[in-house]
Amino acid sequence: MAGEELDEWLRELWGRVASRCPEFDLVLPGTASFVCQAAGCPAHCCRVFTIVPLGGREVVRLSRASGLPPLELVECEDGEPLTHRAFPPTRPYFLARREGVCRFLGADLLCCQYEGRPDACRVYPFYVFFFDPATYLPMRPEWRMMRSAVDRLTGGNAVRAELGPVPLLLRHAGCPGSAGPALRRVGWLTLVEETFRLQYDEPPGPAGEP
C-alpha cells in the first residue's frame, strides 16, 4: 500500500473512532513533530500526571542517572515502596513526588534528570492505541498480536480488516509541544515503533529463554 493511501485509510478510521478519544489527535506523516514548550505550557505534564508507574529497570536507570538510592525515587510508606495492584506487574511502583509535582521538575519547568527519566515520560505526548477495524472499538490484544499489527503498519499493509487490530499513533491534545518540523515518513515510522516499545512491555519468553 502506498504511503498516501495508507495515510488516507488511517485518517478514515480515525474519523470513525475519534469521538471515543477526545483527549487525543491523530499523528500521521506531515504532522508537526514534538518540541517541549515548557516556558509557555499551561499544563506541565510533570504536574498534571499524579501517578507515573515505574518498573524495576527504570528505577535502576534513574538511580544511576541521579545518584539517588531507589527508595528516594519511588513513593514509600513506612520505608517501603508503595505499589498498586491495578498496575502491570512489570511496573508496580510510583515515581516520587514533592509538594504535588514530580520531584525532578526544575525551576525552569524542565526535567532535572532527563537522561534517566521513566518510560512514561519518554513516550509522552505520544501513544499507540489499537482499534477493531470492523467495529471501531478500542482493543487491548495480547502482546504478540499488537506486535504483528505494528509490523504490518510500518510495512505499509494495514488495510485488510481480517488481519486484526489496527494501531493508531495518537498525541495528547492538551500538550502544546507540536511546534517542530513536520514529521517525514521515516521519522513517523520510527516514532510508531519507539512509542510501541516504550508503552507496551514485551512478555517474558518460555522458561529457560532470556
N, C-alpha and C. Protein backbone atom coordinates (compact mmCIF):
# COMPACT_ATOMS: atom_id res chain seq x y z
N MET A 1 0.85 -1.19 0.00
CA MET A 1 0.00 0.00 0.00
C MET A 1 0.89 1.24 0.00
N ALA A 2 0.64 2.15 -0.92
CA ALA A 2 1.41 3.39 -0.99
C ALA A 2 1.20 4.21 0.27
N GLY A 3 2.21 5.02 0.59
CA GLY A 3 2.14 5.80 1.82
C GLY A 3 0.92 6.69 1.91
N GLU A 4 0.59 7.40 0.82
CA GLU A 4 -0.55 8.30 0.84
C GLU A 4 -1.85 7.54 1.01
N GLU A 5 -1.94 6.35 0.40
CA GLU A 5 -3.15 5.53 0.53
C GLU A 5 -3.30 5.04 1.96
N LEU A 6 -2.20 4.63 2.57
CA LEU A 6 -2.24 4.18 3.97
C LEU A 6 -2.67 5.34 4.88
N ASP A 7 -2.11 6.51 4.65
CA ASP A 7 -2.47 7.67 5.47
C ASP A 7 -3.96 7.96 5.38
N GLU A 8 -4.51 7.90 4.17
CA GLU A 8 -5.92 8.19 3.98
C GLU A 8 -6.79 7.16 4.69
N TRP A 9 -6.37 5.90 4.65
CA TRP A 9 -7.13 4.84 5.32
C TRP A 9 -7.09 5.03 6.83
N LEU A 10 -5.93 5.38 7.37
CA LEU A 10 -5.82 5.63 8.81
C LEU A 10 -6.64 6.86 9.21
N ARG A 11 -6.64 7.86 8.35
CA ARG A 11 -7.42 9.07 8.63
C ARG A 11 -8.92 8.76 8.64
N GLU A 12 -9.34 7.89 7.72
CA GLU A 12 -10.75 7.50 7.68
C GLU A 12 -11.13 6.71 8.94
N LEU A 13 -10.25 5.78 9.36
CA LEU A 13 -10.52 5.03 10.58
C LEU A 13 -10.59 5.96 11.78
N TRP A 14 -9.68 6.91 11.86
CA TRP A 14 -9.68 7.85 12.97
C TRP A 14 -10.97 8.66 13.00
N GLY A 15 -11.49 9.03 11.82
CA GLY A 15 -12.74 9.76 11.78
C GLY A 15 -13.89 8.99 12.40
N ARG A 16 -13.80 7.68 12.41
CA ARG A 16 -14.86 6.84 12.98
C ARG A 16 -14.66 6.59 14.48
N VAL A 17 -13.45 6.74 14.97
CA VAL A 17 -13.19 6.42 16.38
C VAL A 17 -12.83 7.65 17.21
N ALA A 18 -12.64 8.80 16.57
CA ALA A 18 -12.13 9.98 17.28
C ALA A 18 -13.04 10.39 18.43
N SER A 19 -14.34 10.20 18.28
CA SER A 19 -15.26 10.62 19.35
C SER A 19 -15.05 9.83 20.62
N ARG A 20 -14.43 8.66 20.52
CA ARG A 20 -14.14 7.84 21.70
C ARG A 20 -12.86 8.29 22.39
N CYS A 21 -12.09 9.14 21.73
CA CYS A 21 -10.78 9.56 22.26
C CYS A 21 -10.64 11.07 22.16
N PRO A 22 -11.50 11.83 22.83
CA PRO A 22 -11.48 13.29 22.67
C PRO A 22 -10.22 13.96 23.18
N GLU A 23 -9.44 13.24 24.00
CA GLU A 23 -8.22 13.84 24.56
C GLU A 23 -7.04 13.74 23.60
N PHE A 24 -7.25 13.12 22.43
CA PHE A 24 -6.12 12.82 21.54
C PHE A 24 -6.35 13.34 20.12
N ASP A 25 -5.23 13.52 19.42
CA ASP A 25 -5.23 13.84 17.99
C ASP A 25 -4.46 12.75 17.25
N LEU A 26 -4.82 12.52 15.99
CA LEU A 26 -4.12 11.54 15.17
C LEU A 26 -2.79 12.13 14.70
N VAL A 27 -1.76 11.28 14.68
CA VAL A 27 -0.44 11.68 14.19
C VAL A 27 -0.12 10.88 12.93
N LEU A 28 0.14 11.58 11.84
CA LEU A 28 0.49 10.97 10.56
C LEU A 28 1.72 11.69 10.00
N PRO A 29 2.36 11.14 8.98
CA PRO A 29 3.42 11.90 8.32
C PRO A 29 2.90 13.28 7.91
N GLY A 30 3.69 14.29 8.16
CA GLY A 30 3.27 15.66 7.90
C GLY A 30 2.82 16.39 9.14
N THR A 31 2.51 15.65 10.22
CA THR A 31 2.15 16.28 11.49
C THR A 31 3.40 16.95 12.09
N ALA A 32 3.22 18.06 12.75
CA ALA A 32 4.35 18.74 13.39
C ALA A 32 4.98 17.83 14.44
N SER A 33 6.28 17.79 14.50
CA SER A 33 6.99 16.98 15.49
C SER A 33 6.95 17.67 16.85
N PHE A 34 7.35 16.92 17.87
CA PHE A 34 7.26 17.41 19.25
C PHE A 34 8.51 18.19 19.65
N VAL A 35 8.30 19.36 20.20
CA VAL A 35 9.35 20.16 20.84
C VAL A 35 8.76 20.71 22.13
N CYS A 36 9.33 20.35 23.27
CA CYS A 36 8.77 20.77 24.55
C CYS A 36 8.70 22.29 24.64
N GLN A 37 7.54 22.79 25.05
CA GLN A 37 7.31 24.23 25.20
C GLN A 37 7.11 24.55 26.68
N ALA A 38 8.09 24.16 27.50
CA ALA A 38 7.93 24.25 28.95
C ALA A 38 7.55 25.64 29.43
N ALA A 39 8.22 26.67 28.90
CA ALA A 39 8.00 28.02 29.40
C ALA A 39 6.57 28.51 29.18
N GLY A 40 5.95 28.07 28.08
CA GLY A 40 4.61 28.55 27.77
C GLY A 40 3.54 27.50 27.94
N CYS A 41 3.87 26.36 28.55
CA CYS A 41 2.91 25.26 28.67
C CYS A 41 1.96 25.54 29.84
N PRO A 42 0.65 25.51 29.60
CA PRO A 42 -0.29 25.79 30.68
C PRO A 42 -0.56 24.58 31.58
N ALA A 43 -0.13 23.39 31.15
CA ALA A 43 -0.46 22.19 31.90
C ALA A 43 0.73 21.62 32.65
N HIS A 44 1.88 21.55 31.99
CA HIS A 44 3.08 20.96 32.57
C HIS A 44 2.81 19.52 33.01
N CYS A 45 3.11 18.59 32.14
CA CYS A 45 2.76 17.19 32.39
C CYS A 45 3.36 16.68 33.70
N CYS A 46 4.43 17.28 34.17
CA CYS A 46 5.03 16.83 35.43
C CYS A 46 4.19 17.23 36.64
N ARG A 47 3.21 18.11 36.43
CA ARG A 47 2.29 18.48 37.49
C ARG A 47 0.95 17.75 37.34
N VAL A 48 0.52 17.59 36.10
CA VAL A 48 -0.82 17.06 35.83
C VAL A 48 -0.92 15.58 36.15
N PHE A 49 0.07 14.80 35.74
CA PHE A 49 0.00 13.35 35.91
C PHE A 49 0.49 12.99 37.31
N THR A 50 -0.46 12.69 38.17
CA THR A 50 -0.13 12.49 39.58
C THR A 50 0.48 11.12 39.86
N ILE A 51 0.28 10.16 38.96
CA ILE A 51 0.85 8.83 39.16
C ILE A 51 1.63 8.44 37.90
N VAL A 52 2.91 8.22 38.05
CA VAL A 52 3.76 7.76 36.95
C VAL A 52 4.29 6.39 37.34
N PRO A 53 3.85 5.32 36.65
CA PRO A 53 4.29 3.97 37.01
C PRO A 53 5.75 3.75 36.64
N LEU A 54 6.43 2.96 37.46
CA LEU A 54 7.84 2.65 37.25
C LEU A 54 8.07 1.16 37.39
N GLY A 55 8.92 0.63 36.53
CA GLY A 55 9.38 -0.74 36.68
C GLY A 55 10.76 -0.77 37.31
N GLY A 56 11.19 -1.95 37.72
CA GLY A 56 12.49 -2.07 38.37
C GLY A 56 13.63 -1.57 37.51
N ARG A 57 13.58 -1.87 36.20
CA ARG A 57 14.63 -1.43 35.29
C ARG A 57 14.70 0.09 35.24
N GLU A 58 13.54 0.74 35.25
CA GLU A 58 13.51 2.20 35.21
C GLU A 58 14.04 2.80 36.50
N VAL A 59 13.75 2.17 37.63
CA VAL A 59 14.25 2.65 38.91
C VAL A 59 15.78 2.60 38.92
N VAL A 60 16.33 1.51 38.42
CA VAL A 60 17.80 1.37 38.36
C VAL A 60 18.39 2.44 37.45
N ARG A 61 17.79 2.65 36.29
CA ARG A 61 18.30 3.66 35.35
C ARG A 61 18.26 5.05 35.97
N LEU A 62 17.14 5.39 36.62
CA LEU A 62 17.01 6.70 37.24
C LEU A 62 17.96 6.86 38.43
N SER A 63 18.17 5.77 39.16
CA SER A 63 19.10 5.82 40.29
C SER A 63 20.52 6.09 39.82
N ARG A 64 20.91 5.44 38.75
CA ARG A 64 22.26 5.65 38.21
C ARG A 64 22.42 7.07 37.69
N ALA A 65 21.38 7.58 37.03
CA ALA A 65 21.48 8.92 36.44
C ALA A 65 21.47 10.01 37.51
N SER A 66 20.69 9.80 38.57
CA SER A 66 20.52 10.83 39.60
C SER A 66 21.51 10.71 40.74
N GLY A 67 22.05 9.49 40.94
CA GLY A 67 22.91 9.25 42.09
C GLY A 67 22.14 9.05 43.38
N LEU A 68 20.82 8.95 43.29
CA LEU A 68 19.98 8.78 44.47
C LEU A 68 19.65 7.31 44.68
N PRO A 69 19.48 6.87 45.93
CA PRO A 69 19.08 5.49 46.19
C PRO A 69 17.65 5.24 45.72
N PRO A 70 17.33 4.02 45.33
CA PRO A 70 16.00 3.71 44.79
C PRO A 70 14.84 4.15 45.68
N LEU A 71 14.98 4.04 47.02
CA LEU A 71 13.87 4.39 47.89
C LEU A 71 13.55 5.88 47.89
N GLU A 72 14.46 6.70 47.38
CA GLU A 72 14.17 8.13 47.27
C GLU A 72 13.52 8.47 45.93
N LEU A 73 13.40 7.48 45.06
CA LEU A 73 12.85 7.72 43.72
C LEU A 73 11.41 7.30 43.59
N VAL A 74 10.92 6.49 44.53
CA VAL A 74 9.56 5.96 44.46
C VAL A 74 8.78 6.39 45.70
N GLU A 75 7.46 6.44 45.54
CA GLU A 75 6.60 6.75 46.68
C GLU A 75 6.68 5.62 47.70
N CYS A 76 6.88 5.99 48.97
CA CYS A 76 7.04 4.99 50.04
C CYS A 76 6.08 5.28 51.18
N GLU A 77 5.86 4.26 51.96
CA GLU A 77 5.09 4.39 53.19
C GLU A 77 5.75 3.52 54.24
N ASP A 78 6.12 4.12 55.37
CA ASP A 78 6.84 3.42 56.43
C ASP A 78 8.11 2.76 55.90
N GLY A 79 8.77 3.48 54.98
CA GLY A 79 10.05 3.00 54.47
C GLY A 79 9.95 1.92 53.41
N GLU A 80 8.74 1.57 52.99
CA GLU A 80 8.56 0.52 51.98
C GLU A 80 7.91 1.12 50.73
N PRO A 81 8.34 0.69 49.52
CA PRO A 81 7.75 1.23 48.29
C PRO A 81 6.26 0.91 48.20
N LEU A 82 5.48 1.91 47.81
CA LEU A 82 4.06 1.70 47.55
C LEU A 82 3.89 1.04 46.19
N THR A 83 2.93 0.13 46.09
CA THR A 83 2.60 -0.50 44.82
C THR A 83 1.09 -0.42 44.63
N HIS A 84 0.65 -0.67 43.41
CA HIS A 84 -0.77 -0.62 43.09
C HIS A 84 -1.12 -1.86 42.30
N ARG A 85 -2.08 -2.62 42.76
CA ARG A 85 -2.41 -3.88 42.09
C ARG A 85 -3.05 -3.66 40.72
N ALA A 86 -3.52 -2.44 40.45
CA ALA A 86 -4.07 -2.16 39.13
C ALA A 86 -2.97 -1.95 38.09
N PHE A 87 -1.72 -1.75 38.54
CA PHE A 87 -0.61 -1.57 37.62
C PHE A 87 -0.14 -2.93 37.11
N PRO A 88 0.46 -2.97 35.90
CA PRO A 88 1.05 -4.24 35.45
C PRO A 88 2.17 -4.66 36.38
N PRO A 89 2.37 -5.96 36.56
CA PRO A 89 3.41 -6.41 37.50
C PRO A 89 4.81 -5.96 37.11
N THR A 90 5.00 -5.61 35.84
CA THR A 90 6.31 -5.14 35.40
C THR A 90 6.58 -3.70 35.80
N ARG A 91 5.53 -2.95 36.19
CA ARG A 91 5.69 -1.54 36.57
C ARG A 91 4.85 -1.25 37.80
N PRO A 92 5.26 -1.77 38.94
CA PRO A 92 4.40 -1.69 40.13
C PRO A 92 4.59 -0.44 40.99
N TYR A 93 5.62 0.39 40.71
CA TYR A 93 5.94 1.48 41.62
C TYR A 93 5.44 2.83 41.11
N PHE A 94 5.45 3.84 41.99
CA PHE A 94 5.06 5.21 41.66
C PHE A 94 6.30 6.09 41.71
N LEU A 95 6.46 6.97 40.71
CA LEU A 95 7.53 7.95 40.77
C LEU A 95 7.29 8.92 41.92
N ALA A 96 8.33 9.20 42.69
CA ALA A 96 8.20 10.08 43.86
C ALA A 96 7.82 11.50 43.44
N ARG A 97 6.99 12.12 44.28
CA ARG A 97 6.57 13.49 44.06
C ARG A 97 6.92 14.34 45.28
N ARG A 98 6.97 15.64 45.07
CA ARG A 98 7.27 16.57 46.15
C ARG A 98 6.32 17.75 46.02
N GLU A 99 5.53 17.98 47.04
CA GLU A 99 4.54 19.06 47.04
C GLU A 99 3.61 18.96 45.83
N GLY A 100 3.24 17.73 45.51
CA GLY A 100 2.26 17.50 44.46
C GLY A 100 2.77 17.45 43.05
N VAL A 101 4.08 17.63 42.85
CA VAL A 101 4.64 17.57 41.50
C VAL A 101 5.82 16.60 41.49
N CYS A 102 6.23 16.20 40.29
CA CYS A 102 7.39 15.31 40.17
C CYS A 102 8.60 15.94 40.88
N ARG A 103 9.30 15.14 41.64
CA ARG A 103 10.43 15.68 42.40
C ARG A 103 11.57 16.14 41.50
N PHE A 104 11.54 15.76 40.22
CA PHE A 104 12.61 16.14 39.30
C PHE A 104 12.22 17.29 38.38
N LEU A 105 11.09 17.94 38.66
CA LEU A 105 10.70 19.11 37.88
C LEU A 105 11.49 20.31 38.38
N GLY A 106 12.30 20.89 37.49
CA GLY A 106 13.16 22.01 37.88
C GLY A 106 12.43 23.33 37.90
N ALA A 107 13.09 24.34 38.42
CA ALA A 107 12.51 25.68 38.49
C ALA A 107 12.23 26.25 37.10
N ASP A 108 12.98 25.76 36.10
CA ASP A 108 12.77 26.21 34.72
C ASP A 108 11.70 25.38 34.02
N LEU A 109 11.01 24.51 34.78
CA LEU A 109 9.95 23.63 34.27
C LEU A 109 10.46 22.58 33.31
N LEU A 110 11.75 22.30 33.38
CA LEU A 110 12.35 21.20 32.62
C LEU A 110 12.78 20.10 33.58
N CYS A 111 13.01 18.90 33.04
CA CYS A 111 13.38 17.75 33.85
C CYS A 111 14.84 17.85 34.30
N CYS A 112 15.06 17.65 35.60
CA CYS A 112 16.42 17.69 36.14
C CYS A 112 17.18 16.38 35.90
N GLN A 113 16.45 15.33 35.52
CA GLN A 113 17.08 14.03 35.30
C GLN A 113 16.61 13.46 33.96
N TYR A 114 16.79 14.27 32.93
CA TYR A 114 16.23 13.93 31.62
C TYR A 114 16.79 12.62 31.08
N GLU A 115 18.07 12.36 31.26
CA GLU A 115 18.68 11.14 30.71
C GLU A 115 18.13 9.89 31.37
N GLY A 116 17.75 9.99 32.64
CA GLY A 116 17.28 8.81 33.35
C GLY A 116 15.77 8.73 33.47
N ARG A 117 15.05 9.63 32.83
CA ARG A 117 13.59 9.74 33.01
C ARG A 117 12.87 8.43 32.70
N PRO A 118 11.71 8.20 33.34
CA PRO A 118 10.96 6.96 33.13
C PRO A 118 10.42 6.85 31.71
N ASP A 119 10.03 5.63 31.35
CA ASP A 119 9.49 5.39 30.01
C ASP A 119 8.22 6.19 29.77
N ALA A 120 7.38 6.36 30.81
CA ALA A 120 6.15 7.13 30.64
C ALA A 120 6.45 8.56 30.21
N CYS A 121 7.56 9.09 30.68
CA CYS A 121 7.96 10.45 30.30
C CYS A 121 8.59 10.46 28.91
N ARG A 122 9.28 9.38 28.57
CA ARG A 122 9.91 9.30 27.25
C ARG A 122 8.87 9.19 26.14
N VAL A 123 7.77 8.53 26.41
CA VAL A 123 6.76 8.31 25.38
C VAL A 123 5.85 9.52 25.20
N TYR A 124 5.62 10.28 26.26
CA TYR A 124 4.68 11.41 26.19
C TYR A 124 5.15 12.47 25.20
N PRO A 125 4.26 13.07 24.40
CA PRO A 125 2.79 13.00 24.44
C PRO A 125 2.19 12.00 23.47
N PHE A 126 3.00 11.01 23.03
CA PHE A 126 2.53 10.06 22.02
C PHE A 126 2.10 8.74 22.66
N TYR A 127 1.11 8.10 22.02
CA TYR A 127 0.64 6.79 22.46
C TYR A 127 0.22 5.99 21.22
N VAL A 128 0.38 4.69 21.29
CA VAL A 128 -0.17 3.80 20.27
C VAL A 128 -1.36 3.08 20.86
N PHE A 129 -2.54 3.29 20.26
CA PHE A 129 -3.75 2.59 20.68
C PHE A 129 -4.21 1.70 19.54
N PHE A 130 -4.92 0.63 19.89
CA PHE A 130 -5.36 -0.36 18.91
C PHE A 130 -6.88 -0.34 18.79
N PHE A 131 -7.36 -0.47 17.55
CA PHE A 131 -8.80 -0.43 17.27
C PHE A 131 -9.20 -1.58 16.37
N ASP A 132 -10.42 -2.05 16.57
CA ASP A 132 -11.01 -3.09 15.72
C ASP A 132 -11.54 -2.40 14.46
N PRO A 133 -11.01 -2.71 13.27
CA PRO A 133 -11.44 -2.00 12.06
C PRO A 133 -12.84 -2.39 11.61
N ALA A 134 -13.42 -3.44 12.22
CA ALA A 134 -14.79 -3.84 11.86
C ALA A 134 -15.82 -3.14 12.75
N THR A 135 -15.52 -3.00 14.05
CA THR A 135 -16.48 -2.41 14.99
C THR A 135 -16.10 -1.00 15.41
N TYR A 136 -14.86 -0.59 15.13
CA TYR A 136 -14.33 0.73 15.51
C TYR A 136 -14.24 0.91 17.02
N LEU A 137 -14.10 -0.19 17.73
CA LEU A 137 -13.95 -0.15 19.17
C LEU A 137 -12.48 -0.27 19.55
N PRO A 138 -12.05 0.38 20.64
CA PRO A 138 -10.67 0.21 21.11
C PRO A 138 -10.45 -1.21 21.60
N MET A 139 -9.23 -1.69 21.46
CA MET A 139 -8.88 -3.05 21.85
C MET A 139 -7.60 -3.03 22.67
N ARG A 140 -7.39 -4.08 23.45
CA ARG A 140 -6.09 -4.32 24.09
C ARG A 140 -5.76 -5.80 23.86
N PRO A 141 -5.29 -6.11 22.62
CA PRO A 141 -4.98 -7.51 22.30
C PRO A 141 -3.77 -7.99 23.09
N GLU A 142 -3.51 -9.29 23.02
CA GLU A 142 -2.29 -9.79 23.64
C GLU A 142 -1.08 -9.27 22.87
N TRP A 143 0.07 -9.29 23.51
CA TRP A 143 1.24 -8.56 23.01
C TRP A 143 1.65 -8.98 21.60
N ARG A 144 1.66 -10.27 21.32
CA ARG A 144 2.14 -10.73 20.01
C ARG A 144 1.22 -10.26 18.89
N MET A 145 -0.08 -10.14 19.16
CA MET A 145 -1.00 -9.61 18.16
C MET A 145 -0.73 -8.13 17.93
N MET A 146 -0.44 -7.41 19.01
CA MET A 146 -0.10 -5.99 18.86
C MET A 146 1.20 -5.84 18.07
N ARG A 147 2.18 -6.66 18.37
CA ARG A 147 3.46 -6.60 17.67
C ARG A 147 3.28 -6.85 16.18
N SER A 148 2.46 -7.82 15.84
CA SER A 148 2.19 -8.13 14.44
C SER A 148 1.48 -6.97 13.76
N ALA A 149 0.54 -6.33 14.46
CA ALA A 149 -0.19 -5.21 13.88
C ALA A 149 0.74 -4.03 13.61
N VAL A 150 1.65 -3.75 14.52
CA VAL A 150 2.61 -2.66 14.31
C VAL A 150 3.53 -2.99 13.13
N ASP A 151 3.95 -4.24 13.02
CA ASP A 151 4.80 -4.64 11.90
C ASP A 151 4.07 -4.45 10.57
N ARG A 152 2.77 -4.78 10.55
CA ARG A 152 2.01 -4.59 9.31
C ARG A 152 1.90 -3.10 8.98
N LEU A 153 1.64 -2.29 9.99
CA LEU A 153 1.51 -0.86 9.75
C LEU A 153 2.80 -0.27 9.21
N THR A 154 3.89 -0.57 9.87
CA THR A 154 5.17 0.00 9.44
C THR A 154 5.63 -0.58 8.12
N GLY A 155 5.06 -1.75 7.74
CA GLY A 155 5.35 -2.33 6.44
C GLY A 155 4.40 -1.86 5.35
N GLY A 156 3.43 -1.00 5.72
CA GLY A 156 2.51 -0.44 4.74
C GLY A 156 1.38 -1.37 4.36
N ASN A 157 1.03 -2.33 5.24
CA ASN A 157 -0.01 -3.29 4.88
C ASN A 157 -1.00 -3.41 6.04
N ALA A 158 -1.87 -2.41 6.17
CA ALA A 158 -2.80 -2.42 7.29
C ALA A 158 -4.25 -2.34 6.84
N VAL A 159 -4.52 -2.56 5.54
CA VAL A 159 -5.83 -2.27 5.01
C VAL A 159 -6.82 -3.42 5.17
N ARG A 160 -6.35 -4.63 5.38
CA ARG A 160 -7.25 -5.78 5.44
C ARG A 160 -7.77 -5.97 6.86
N ALA A 161 -9.07 -5.73 7.04
CA ALA A 161 -9.65 -5.79 8.37
C ALA A 161 -9.52 -7.16 8.99
N GLU A 162 -9.53 -8.21 8.17
CA GLU A 162 -9.48 -9.56 8.74
C GLU A 162 -8.14 -9.88 9.37
N LEU A 163 -7.15 -9.01 9.15
CA LEU A 163 -5.83 -9.26 9.75
C LEU A 163 -5.81 -8.90 11.23
N GLY A 164 -6.83 -8.20 11.71
CA GLY A 164 -6.87 -7.93 13.14
C GLY A 164 -6.79 -6.45 13.46
N PRO A 165 -6.39 -6.11 14.69
CA PRO A 165 -6.43 -4.73 15.18
C PRO A 165 -5.50 -3.81 14.38
N VAL A 166 -5.88 -2.55 14.36
CA VAL A 166 -5.08 -1.54 13.66
C VAL A 166 -4.51 -0.56 14.69
N PRO A 167 -3.20 -0.37 14.71
CA PRO A 167 -2.61 0.61 15.63
C PRO A 167 -2.71 2.02 15.04
N LEU A 168 -3.06 2.97 15.89
CA LEU A 168 -3.04 4.39 15.52
C LEU A 168 -2.08 5.11 16.45
N LEU A 169 -1.23 5.93 15.87
CA LEU A 169 -0.35 6.77 16.67
C LEU A 169 -1.10 8.05 17.00
N LEU A 170 -1.31 8.30 18.30
CA LEU A 170 -2.06 9.46 18.75
C LEU A 170 -1.19 10.36 19.62
N ARG A 171 -1.62 11.61 19.74
CA ARG A 171 -0.90 12.60 20.55
C ARG A 171 -1.87 13.23 21.54
N HIS A 172 -1.42 13.39 22.79
CA HIS A 172 -2.27 14.05 23.79
C HIS A 172 -2.56 15.47 23.34
N ALA A 173 -3.83 15.77 23.12
CA ALA A 173 -4.22 17.06 22.55
C ALA A 173 -3.93 18.22 23.50
N GLY A 174 -3.82 17.95 24.79
CA GLY A 174 -3.56 19.03 25.74
C GLY A 174 -2.13 19.50 25.77
N CYS A 175 -1.25 18.82 25.08
CA CYS A 175 0.17 19.21 25.06
C CYS A 175 0.42 20.21 23.94
N PRO A 176 1.04 21.35 24.23
CA PRO A 176 1.28 22.37 23.20
C PRO A 176 2.58 22.15 22.42
N GLY A 177 3.18 20.98 22.56
CA GLY A 177 4.51 20.76 22.01
C GLY A 177 4.58 20.43 20.53
N SER A 178 3.46 20.46 19.80
CA SER A 178 3.52 20.21 18.36
C SER A 178 3.99 21.49 17.67
N ALA A 179 5.28 21.74 17.81
CA ALA A 179 5.83 23.00 17.33
C ALA A 179 7.09 22.79 16.48
N GLY A 180 7.43 21.52 16.22
CA GLY A 180 8.64 21.23 15.47
C GLY A 180 8.38 21.04 13.99
N PRO A 181 9.42 20.70 13.24
CA PRO A 181 9.26 20.46 11.80
C PRO A 181 8.29 19.31 11.54
N ALA A 182 7.68 19.30 10.37
CA ALA A 182 6.75 18.24 10.00
C ALA A 182 7.47 16.89 9.98
N LEU A 183 6.80 15.88 10.50
CA LEU A 183 7.37 14.53 10.51
C LEU A 183 7.45 13.99 9.09
N ARG A 184 8.63 13.54 8.71
CA ARG A 184 8.76 12.79 7.45
C ARG A 184 8.32 11.36 7.71
N ARG A 185 8.07 10.64 6.62
CA ARG A 185 7.54 9.29 6.80
C ARG A 185 8.49 8.40 7.59
N VAL A 186 9.78 8.48 7.32
CA VAL A 186 10.73 7.65 8.06
C VAL A 186 10.70 8.00 9.54
N GLY A 187 10.63 9.30 9.87
CA GLY A 187 10.55 9.71 11.27
C GLY A 187 9.27 9.25 11.93
N TRP A 188 8.16 9.27 11.18
CA TRP A 188 6.88 8.80 11.71
C TRP A 188 6.93 7.31 12.00
N LEU A 189 7.50 6.53 11.08
CA LEU A 189 7.61 5.09 11.30
C LEU A 189 8.46 4.79 12.53
N THR A 190 9.55 5.53 12.68
CA THR A 190 10.41 5.35 13.85
C THR A 190 9.65 5.70 15.12
N LEU A 191 8.85 6.76 15.08
CA LEU A 191 8.08 7.18 16.25
C LEU A 191 7.03 6.14 16.62
N VAL A 192 6.37 5.55 15.63
CA VAL A 192 5.41 4.47 15.90
C VAL A 192 6.10 3.32 16.63
N GLU A 193 7.22 2.90 16.10
CA GLU A 193 7.95 1.76 16.67
C GLU A 193 8.45 2.06 18.08
N GLU A 194 9.03 3.23 18.27
CA GLU A 194 9.60 3.58 19.57
C GLU A 194 8.50 3.77 20.61
N THR A 195 7.39 4.38 20.21
CA THR A 195 6.28 4.57 21.14
C THR A 195 5.72 3.23 21.58
N PHE A 196 5.54 2.33 20.64
CA PHE A 196 5.03 0.99 20.99
C PHE A 196 5.99 0.29 21.94
N ARG A 197 7.28 0.37 21.67
CA ARG A 197 8.27 -0.32 22.51
C ARG A 197 8.25 0.20 23.94
N LEU A 198 8.12 1.49 24.10
CA LEU A 198 8.13 2.08 25.44
C LEU A 198 6.80 1.88 26.17
N GLN A 199 5.71 1.85 25.42
CA GLN A 199 4.38 1.80 26.04
C GLN A 199 3.98 0.40 26.47
N TYR A 200 4.40 -0.61 25.70
CA TYR A 200 3.96 -1.97 25.96
C TYR A 200 5.16 -2.88 26.25
N ASP A 201 5.13 -3.54 27.39
CA ASP A 201 6.22 -4.43 27.77
C ASP A 201 6.13 -5.75 27.03
N GLU A 202 7.23 -6.17 26.44
CA GLU A 202 7.25 -7.49 25.82
C GLU A 202 7.18 -8.56 26.89
N PRO A 203 6.31 -9.57 26.72
CA PRO A 203 6.21 -10.60 27.75
C PRO A 203 7.47 -11.46 27.80
N PRO A 204 7.79 -12.02 28.96
CA PRO A 204 8.96 -12.89 29.04
C PRO A 204 8.76 -14.13 28.21
N GLY A 205 9.85 -14.69 27.72
CA GLY A 205 9.78 -15.91 26.92
C GLY A 205 9.57 -17.12 27.82
N PRO A 206 9.46 -18.31 27.20
CA PRO A 206 9.30 -19.53 27.98
C PRO A 206 10.47 -19.73 28.93
N ALA A 207 10.25 -20.52 29.95
CA ALA A 207 11.31 -20.80 30.93
C ALA A 207 12.57 -21.27 30.22
N GLY A 208 13.68 -20.70 30.63
CA GLY A 208 14.94 -21.08 30.02
C GLY A 208 15.38 -20.11 28.94
N GLU A 209 14.46 -19.28 28.42
CA GLU A 209 14.83 -18.29 27.41
C GLU A 209 15.12 -16.97 28.09
N PRO A 210 16.02 -16.17 27.53
CA PRO A 210 16.33 -14.87 28.13
C PRO A 210 15.15 -13.93 28.02
